[in-house]
N, C-alpha and C. Protein backbone atom coordinates (compact mmCIF):
# COMPACT_ATOMS: atom_id res chain seq x y z
N UNK A 1 18.84 17.04 -15.71
CA UNK A 1 17.47 16.56 -15.63
C UNK A 1 17.26 15.33 -16.52
N UNK A 2 17.79 15.38 -17.75
CA UNK A 2 17.63 14.26 -18.66
C UNK A 2 18.34 13.02 -18.12
N UNK A 3 19.55 13.19 -17.58
CA UNK A 3 20.29 12.03 -17.07
C UNK A 3 19.56 11.38 -15.91
N UNK A 4 18.94 12.17 -15.05
CA UNK A 4 18.16 11.62 -13.94
C UNK A 4 16.98 10.82 -14.47
N UNK A 5 16.29 11.37 -15.46
CA UNK A 5 15.15 10.67 -16.06
C UNK A 5 15.60 9.36 -16.69
N UNK A 6 16.71 9.37 -17.41
CA UNK A 6 17.23 8.15 -18.04
C UNK A 6 17.58 7.11 -16.98
N UNK A 7 18.16 7.57 -15.87
CA UNK A 7 18.53 6.64 -14.80
C UNK A 7 17.31 5.93 -14.24
N UNK A 8 16.22 6.68 -14.00
CA UNK A 8 15.01 6.06 -13.47
C UNK A 8 14.37 5.14 -14.50
N UNK A 9 14.38 5.55 -15.76
CA UNK A 9 13.81 4.69 -16.80
C UNK A 9 14.60 3.40 -16.91
N UNK A 10 15.91 3.48 -16.78
CA UNK A 10 16.74 2.27 -16.84
C UNK A 10 16.42 1.35 -15.66
N UNK A 11 16.30 1.92 -14.47
CA UNK A 11 15.97 1.11 -13.30
C UNK A 11 14.63 0.43 -13.48
N UNK A 12 13.62 1.16 -13.94
CA UNK A 12 12.30 0.57 -14.15
C UNK A 12 12.36 -0.51 -15.21
N UNK A 13 13.13 -0.28 -16.27
CA UNK A 13 13.26 -1.25 -17.34
C UNK A 13 13.90 -2.53 -16.82
N UNK A 14 14.96 -2.41 -16.04
CA UNK A 14 15.62 -3.58 -15.45
C UNK A 14 14.67 -4.34 -14.54
N UNK A 15 13.89 -3.62 -13.75
CA UNK A 15 12.95 -4.26 -12.84
C UNK A 15 11.90 -5.02 -13.64
N UNK A 16 11.34 -4.39 -14.66
CA UNK A 16 10.29 -5.02 -15.45
C UNK A 16 10.80 -6.23 -16.22
N UNK A 17 12.10 -6.29 -16.51
CA UNK A 17 12.68 -7.43 -17.20
C UNK A 17 13.10 -8.53 -16.23
N UNK A 18 12.82 -8.36 -14.95
CA UNK A 18 13.10 -9.39 -13.97
C UNK A 18 14.51 -9.39 -13.42
N UNK A 19 15.30 -8.35 -13.72
CA UNK A 19 16.68 -8.31 -13.25
C UNK A 19 16.76 -7.94 -11.77
N UNK A 20 15.68 -7.44 -11.22
CA UNK A 20 15.69 -7.05 -9.81
C UNK A 20 14.55 -7.74 -9.08
N UNK A 21 14.44 -9.04 -9.28
CA UNK A 21 13.37 -9.80 -8.64
C UNK A 21 13.45 -9.64 -7.12
N UNK A 22 12.31 -9.69 -6.51
CA UNK A 22 12.18 -9.59 -5.05
C UNK A 22 12.59 -8.23 -4.51
N UNK A 23 12.62 -7.23 -5.36
CA UNK A 23 12.95 -5.88 -4.91
C UNK A 23 11.70 -5.01 -4.85
N UNK A 24 10.54 -5.61 -5.06
CA UNK A 24 9.31 -4.84 -5.05
C UNK A 24 8.82 -4.58 -3.65
N UNK A 25 7.68 -3.91 -3.56
CA UNK A 25 7.09 -3.59 -2.27
C UNK A 25 5.61 -3.96 -2.28
N UNK A 26 5.11 -4.19 -1.08
CA UNK A 26 3.70 -4.50 -0.90
C UNK A 26 3.03 -3.29 -0.25
N UNK A 27 1.95 -2.85 -0.86
CA UNK A 27 1.17 -1.75 -0.30
C UNK A 27 0.07 -2.29 0.59
N UNK A 28 -0.09 -1.68 1.74
CA UNK A 28 -1.13 -2.07 2.69
C UNK A 28 -1.94 -0.82 3.04
N UNK A 29 -3.22 -0.87 2.73
CA UNK A 29 -4.12 0.22 3.08
C UNK A 29 -4.22 0.32 4.60
N UNK A 30 -4.49 1.50 5.08
CA UNK A 30 -4.62 1.71 6.53
C UNK A 30 -6.05 1.50 7.00
N UNK A 31 -6.93 2.43 6.69
CA UNK A 31 -8.29 2.42 7.21
C UNK A 31 -9.12 1.28 6.60
N UNK A 32 -9.55 0.36 7.44
CA UNK A 32 -10.36 -0.75 6.99
C UNK A 32 -9.56 -1.98 6.62
N UNK A 33 -8.24 -1.88 6.60
CA UNK A 33 -7.39 -3.02 6.25
C UNK A 33 -6.40 -3.32 7.37
N UNK A 34 -5.59 -2.36 7.74
CA UNK A 34 -4.64 -2.54 8.84
C UNK A 34 -5.22 -2.03 10.15
N UNK A 35 -6.12 -1.07 10.05
CA UNK A 35 -6.77 -0.48 11.23
C UNK A 35 -8.28 -0.49 11.02
N UNK A 36 -9.02 -0.74 12.08
CA UNK A 36 -10.48 -0.71 11.99
C UNK A 36 -10.94 0.69 11.59
N UNK A 37 -11.98 0.74 10.78
CA UNK A 37 -12.50 2.02 10.30
C UNK A 37 -14.01 2.03 10.48
N UNK A 38 -14.49 3.02 11.21
CA UNK A 38 -15.94 3.14 11.42
C UNK A 38 -16.41 4.57 11.16
N UNK A 39 -15.70 5.24 10.25
CA UNK A 39 -16.06 6.61 9.90
C UNK A 39 -14.89 7.55 10.13
N UNK A 40 -14.98 8.72 9.49
CA UNK A 40 -13.92 9.72 9.58
C UNK A 40 -14.17 10.62 10.77
N UNK A 41 -13.20 10.65 11.69
CA UNK A 41 -13.27 11.50 12.88
C UNK A 41 -12.09 12.46 12.94
N UNK A 42 -11.45 12.68 11.80
CA UNK A 42 -10.31 13.58 11.72
C UNK A 42 -9.01 12.82 11.55
N UNK A 43 -7.96 13.52 11.16
CA UNK A 43 -6.68 12.87 10.85
C UNK A 43 -5.99 12.20 12.03
N UNK A 44 -6.27 12.66 13.23
CA UNK A 44 -5.61 12.08 14.41
C UNK A 44 -6.26 10.77 14.85
N UNK A 45 -7.48 10.53 14.40
CA UNK A 45 -8.18 9.30 14.81
C UNK A 45 -7.89 8.17 13.84
N UNK A 46 -7.25 7.12 14.33
CA UNK A 46 -7.03 5.90 13.56
C UNK A 46 -7.50 4.76 14.45
N UNK A 47 -8.27 3.86 13.88
CA UNK A 47 -8.87 2.78 14.66
C UNK A 47 -7.88 1.79 15.24
N UNK A 48 -8.45 0.83 15.95
CA UNK A 48 -7.63 -0.23 16.56
C UNK A 48 -7.02 -1.10 15.47
N UNK A 49 -5.85 -1.67 15.74
CA UNK A 49 -5.22 -2.53 14.74
C UNK A 49 -6.03 -3.80 14.48
N UNK A 50 -5.98 -4.27 13.25
CA UNK A 50 -6.60 -5.54 12.87
C UNK A 50 -5.49 -6.58 12.97
N UNK A 51 -5.59 -7.41 13.99
CA UNK A 51 -4.48 -8.30 14.36
C UNK A 51 -4.02 -9.22 13.23
N UNK A 52 -4.94 -9.76 12.44
CA UNK A 52 -4.52 -10.66 11.36
C UNK A 52 -3.63 -9.94 10.35
N UNK A 53 -3.93 -8.67 10.07
CA UNK A 53 -3.09 -7.91 9.14
C UNK A 53 -1.78 -7.49 9.79
N UNK A 54 -1.84 -7.15 11.06
CA UNK A 54 -0.61 -6.80 11.78
C UNK A 54 0.36 -7.97 11.72
N UNK A 55 -0.15 -9.18 11.99
CA UNK A 55 0.72 -10.37 11.94
C UNK A 55 1.28 -10.58 10.54
N UNK A 56 0.43 -10.45 9.53
CA UNK A 56 0.86 -10.64 8.15
C UNK A 56 1.95 -9.64 7.77
N UNK A 57 1.74 -8.38 8.10
CA UNK A 57 2.73 -7.34 7.78
C UNK A 57 4.05 -7.62 8.51
N UNK A 58 3.97 -8.03 9.76
CA UNK A 58 5.19 -8.33 10.51
C UNK A 58 5.96 -9.50 9.90
N UNK A 59 5.25 -10.51 9.37
CA UNK A 59 5.92 -11.63 8.70
C UNK A 59 6.66 -11.11 7.46
N UNK A 60 5.97 -10.28 6.67
CA UNK A 60 6.62 -9.74 5.48
C UNK A 60 7.87 -8.97 5.85
N UNK A 61 7.77 -8.13 6.86
CA UNK A 61 8.92 -7.32 7.29
C UNK A 61 10.06 -8.23 7.73
N UNK A 62 9.72 -9.25 8.51
CA UNK A 62 10.73 -10.20 8.99
C UNK A 62 11.42 -10.92 7.84
N UNK A 63 10.66 -11.18 6.76
CA UNK A 63 11.21 -11.85 5.58
C UNK A 63 12.00 -10.90 4.68
N UNK A 64 12.03 -9.63 5.05
CA UNK A 64 12.80 -8.65 4.28
C UNK A 64 12.03 -7.99 3.15
N UNK A 65 10.72 -8.15 3.15
CA UNK A 65 9.88 -7.52 2.13
C UNK A 65 9.64 -6.07 2.53
N UNK A 66 9.75 -5.16 1.57
CA UNK A 66 9.43 -3.77 1.85
C UNK A 66 7.91 -3.62 1.88
N UNK A 67 7.41 -3.04 2.96
CA UNK A 67 5.98 -2.77 3.10
C UNK A 67 5.81 -1.27 3.19
N UNK A 68 4.85 -0.77 2.42
CA UNK A 68 4.50 0.65 2.48
C UNK A 68 3.03 0.76 2.85
N UNK A 69 2.72 1.76 3.65
CA UNK A 69 1.33 2.03 3.98
C UNK A 69 0.77 2.89 2.86
N UNK A 70 -0.24 2.34 2.18
CA UNK A 70 -0.82 2.96 0.99
C UNK A 70 -2.18 3.51 1.39
N UNK A 71 -2.25 4.81 1.62
CA UNK A 71 -3.46 5.40 2.18
C UNK A 71 -3.78 6.75 1.57
N UNK A 72 -5.07 7.02 1.43
CA UNK A 72 -5.50 8.33 0.94
C UNK A 72 -5.07 9.44 1.89
N UNK A 73 -4.85 9.11 3.15
CA UNK A 73 -4.40 10.12 4.12
C UNK A 73 -3.11 10.79 3.66
N UNK A 74 -2.28 10.05 2.91
CA UNK A 74 -1.00 10.59 2.45
C UNK A 74 -1.18 11.68 1.40
N UNK A 75 -2.40 11.85 0.88
CA UNK A 75 -2.64 12.93 -0.08
C UNK A 75 -2.61 14.29 0.60
N UNK A 76 -2.67 14.29 1.93
CA UNK A 76 -2.54 15.52 2.72
C UNK A 76 -1.27 15.34 3.56
N UNK A 77 -0.17 15.97 3.16
CA UNK A 77 1.10 15.74 3.85
C UNK A 77 1.04 15.93 5.37
N UNK A 78 0.19 16.82 5.83
CA UNK A 78 0.07 17.07 7.28
C UNK A 78 -0.54 15.88 8.02
N UNK A 79 -1.17 14.95 7.32
CA UNK A 79 -1.78 13.78 7.97
C UNK A 79 -0.79 12.63 8.17
N UNK A 80 0.31 12.65 7.42
CA UNK A 80 1.27 11.54 7.48
C UNK A 80 1.85 11.34 8.88
N UNK A 81 2.21 12.38 9.64
CA UNK A 81 2.74 12.15 10.99
C UNK A 81 1.76 11.39 11.91
N UNK A 82 0.47 11.56 11.72
CA UNK A 82 -0.50 10.81 12.53
C UNK A 82 -0.42 9.32 12.21
N UNK A 83 -0.24 8.99 10.94
CA UNK A 83 -0.11 7.60 10.53
C UNK A 83 1.19 7.03 11.08
N UNK A 84 2.28 7.76 10.95
CA UNK A 84 3.57 7.30 11.45
C UNK A 84 3.53 7.07 12.96
N UNK A 85 2.87 7.94 13.68
CA UNK A 85 2.74 7.79 15.14
C UNK A 85 1.96 6.52 15.47
N UNK A 86 0.86 6.29 14.75
CA UNK A 86 0.05 5.10 14.98
C UNK A 86 0.86 3.83 14.71
N UNK A 87 1.60 3.83 13.61
CA UNK A 87 2.42 2.67 13.26
C UNK A 87 3.46 2.39 14.36
N UNK A 88 4.08 3.44 14.86
CA UNK A 88 5.08 3.29 15.93
C UNK A 88 4.42 2.72 17.19
N UNK A 89 3.23 3.21 17.51
CA UNK A 89 2.51 2.72 18.69
C UNK A 89 2.16 1.23 18.57
N UNK A 90 2.03 0.75 17.33
CA UNK A 90 1.71 -0.67 17.11
C UNK A 90 2.97 -1.53 17.07
N UNK A 91 4.13 -0.90 17.18
CA UNK A 91 5.39 -1.65 17.21
C UNK A 91 6.03 -1.87 15.85
N UNK A 92 5.52 -1.21 14.81
CA UNK A 92 6.12 -1.36 13.49
C UNK A 92 7.40 -0.53 13.40
N UNK A 93 8.36 -1.00 12.60
CA UNK A 93 9.52 -0.15 12.31
C UNK A 93 9.04 0.99 11.42
N UNK A 94 9.86 2.00 11.19
CA UNK A 94 9.44 3.07 10.28
C UNK A 94 9.10 2.51 8.90
N UNK A 95 7.91 2.82 8.42
CA UNK A 95 7.45 2.39 7.10
C UNK A 95 7.10 3.62 6.28
N UNK A 96 7.35 3.54 4.99
CA UNK A 96 6.99 4.63 4.10
C UNK A 96 5.47 4.72 4.03
N UNK A 97 4.94 5.93 4.10
CA UNK A 97 3.50 6.19 3.99
C UNK A 97 3.30 6.94 2.68
N UNK A 98 2.47 6.38 1.80
CA UNK A 98 2.31 6.94 0.47
C UNK A 98 0.89 6.76 -0.05
N UNK A 99 0.61 7.43 -1.15
CA UNK A 99 -0.63 7.19 -1.90
C UNK A 99 -0.29 7.09 -3.39
N UNK A 100 0.96 6.73 -3.67
CA UNK A 100 1.45 6.69 -5.04
C UNK A 100 1.97 5.29 -5.37
N UNK A 101 1.50 4.74 -6.50
CA UNK A 101 2.01 3.46 -7.00
C UNK A 101 3.20 3.74 -7.90
N UNK A 102 4.07 2.73 -8.03
CA UNK A 102 5.14 2.78 -9.02
C UNK A 102 5.33 1.37 -9.57
N UNK A 103 6.30 1.21 -10.47
CA UNK A 103 6.50 -0.09 -11.12
C UNK A 103 6.96 -1.18 -10.16
N UNK A 104 7.43 -0.82 -8.99
CA UNK A 104 7.94 -1.80 -8.05
C UNK A 104 6.87 -2.36 -7.10
N UNK A 105 5.68 -1.81 -7.15
CA UNK A 105 4.61 -2.35 -6.30
C UNK A 105 4.20 -3.72 -6.85
N UNK A 106 4.26 -4.74 -5.99
CA UNK A 106 3.94 -6.09 -6.43
C UNK A 106 2.56 -6.54 -5.95
N UNK A 107 2.06 -5.96 -4.87
CA UNK A 107 0.73 -6.28 -4.36
C UNK A 107 0.17 -5.07 -3.65
N UNK A 108 -1.16 -5.02 -3.62
CA UNK A 108 -1.85 -4.00 -2.84
C UNK A 108 -2.95 -4.68 -2.04
N UNK A 109 -2.90 -4.56 -0.75
CA UNK A 109 -3.92 -5.11 0.15
C UNK A 109 -4.81 -3.95 0.58
N UNK A 110 -6.08 -4.00 0.20
CA UNK A 110 -6.98 -2.88 0.41
C UNK A 110 -8.41 -3.41 0.48
N UNK A 111 -9.19 -2.86 1.39
CA UNK A 111 -10.58 -3.30 1.54
C UNK A 111 -11.49 -2.80 0.42
N UNK A 112 -11.02 -1.91 -0.41
CA UNK A 112 -11.87 -1.35 -1.47
C UNK A 112 -11.44 -1.78 -2.88
N UNK A 113 -10.40 -2.56 -3.00
CA UNK A 113 -9.92 -2.97 -4.32
C UNK A 113 -10.81 -4.04 -4.94
N UNK A 114 -10.85 -4.03 -6.24
CA UNK A 114 -11.44 -5.12 -7.02
C UNK A 114 -10.33 -5.62 -7.93
N UNK A 115 -9.96 -6.89 -7.80
CA UNK A 115 -8.90 -7.43 -8.63
C UNK A 115 -9.46 -7.75 -10.01
N UNK A 116 -8.73 -7.35 -11.03
CA UNK A 116 -9.16 -7.50 -12.41
C UNK A 116 -8.23 -8.49 -13.12
N UNK A 117 -8.81 -9.37 -13.94
CA UNK A 117 -8.01 -10.27 -14.76
C UNK A 117 -7.15 -9.43 -15.70
N UNK A 118 -5.88 -9.72 -15.77
CA UNK A 118 -4.96 -8.96 -16.61
C UNK A 118 -5.44 -8.93 -18.06
N UNK A 119 -5.41 -7.74 -18.62
CA UNK A 119 -5.72 -7.49 -20.03
C UNK A 119 -7.15 -7.82 -20.44
N UNK A 120 -8.06 -7.95 -19.49
CA UNK A 120 -9.45 -8.25 -19.86
C UNK A 120 -10.44 -7.20 -19.36
N UNK A 121 -10.10 -6.55 -18.27
CA UNK A 121 -11.04 -5.62 -17.65
C UNK A 121 -12.11 -6.33 -16.85
N UNK A 122 -12.03 -7.64 -16.76
CA UNK A 122 -13.04 -8.43 -16.05
C UNK A 122 -12.61 -8.66 -14.60
N UNK A 123 -13.53 -8.46 -13.66
CA UNK A 123 -13.18 -8.72 -12.26
C UNK A 123 -12.98 -10.20 -12.01
N UNK A 124 -11.99 -10.53 -11.15
CA UNK A 124 -11.76 -11.93 -10.79
C UNK A 124 -12.90 -12.41 -9.91
N UNK A 125 -13.27 -11.59 -8.95
CA UNK A 125 -14.39 -11.90 -8.07
C UNK A 125 -14.87 -10.57 -7.55
N UNK A 126 -16.16 -10.32 -7.67
CA UNK A 126 -16.63 -8.99 -7.32
C UNK A 126 -18.09 -9.04 -6.87
N UNK A 127 -18.33 -8.43 -5.76
CA UNK A 127 -19.69 -8.23 -5.28
C UNK A 127 -19.97 -6.75 -5.50
N UNK A 128 -20.81 -6.44 -6.45
CA UNK A 128 -21.03 -5.05 -6.82
C UNK A 128 -21.98 -4.37 -5.84
N UNK A 129 -21.53 -3.25 -5.31
CA UNK A 129 -22.36 -2.47 -4.39
C UNK A 129 -23.02 -1.31 -5.10
N UNK A 130 -22.69 -1.13 -6.37
CA UNK A 130 -23.28 -0.04 -7.16
C UNK A 130 -23.91 -0.64 -8.40
N UNK A 131 -24.60 0.19 -9.15
CA UNK A 131 -25.22 -0.26 -10.39
C UNK A 131 -24.17 -0.76 -11.37
N UNK A 132 -24.41 -1.90 -12.02
CA UNK A 132 -23.46 -2.46 -12.99
C UNK A 132 -23.34 -1.57 -14.21
N UNK A 133 -22.14 -1.61 -14.79
CA UNK A 133 -21.88 -0.83 -16.00
C UNK A 133 -22.08 -1.71 -17.21
């Protein structure tokens, strides 16, 4: 167990030091980013593809970038096959479906994210839909 942990820590350390550049992955949210979202109708319902994102993801894949579908649906393992089926129907190769970040994630494309300036806690650009803190 300890040796496995050390191996992963070493890999993460090498990645963070730039020894494994271009080995990261891009996370792409499903509902509202890659697929249209107009409300929850159950795990089998996934909206129509958003063509601009489909094209962007296909370019990344063609360039050899690892793309993972980053979705809350993955928090329920039984929902993942519905996502995989939808991706296949859209012509994507098999992509990992997850809801977990790791040190190798280099970008996250999501309709609900707010990008924050590093080490400041300040949003880069934000339209607040809730009461300000």
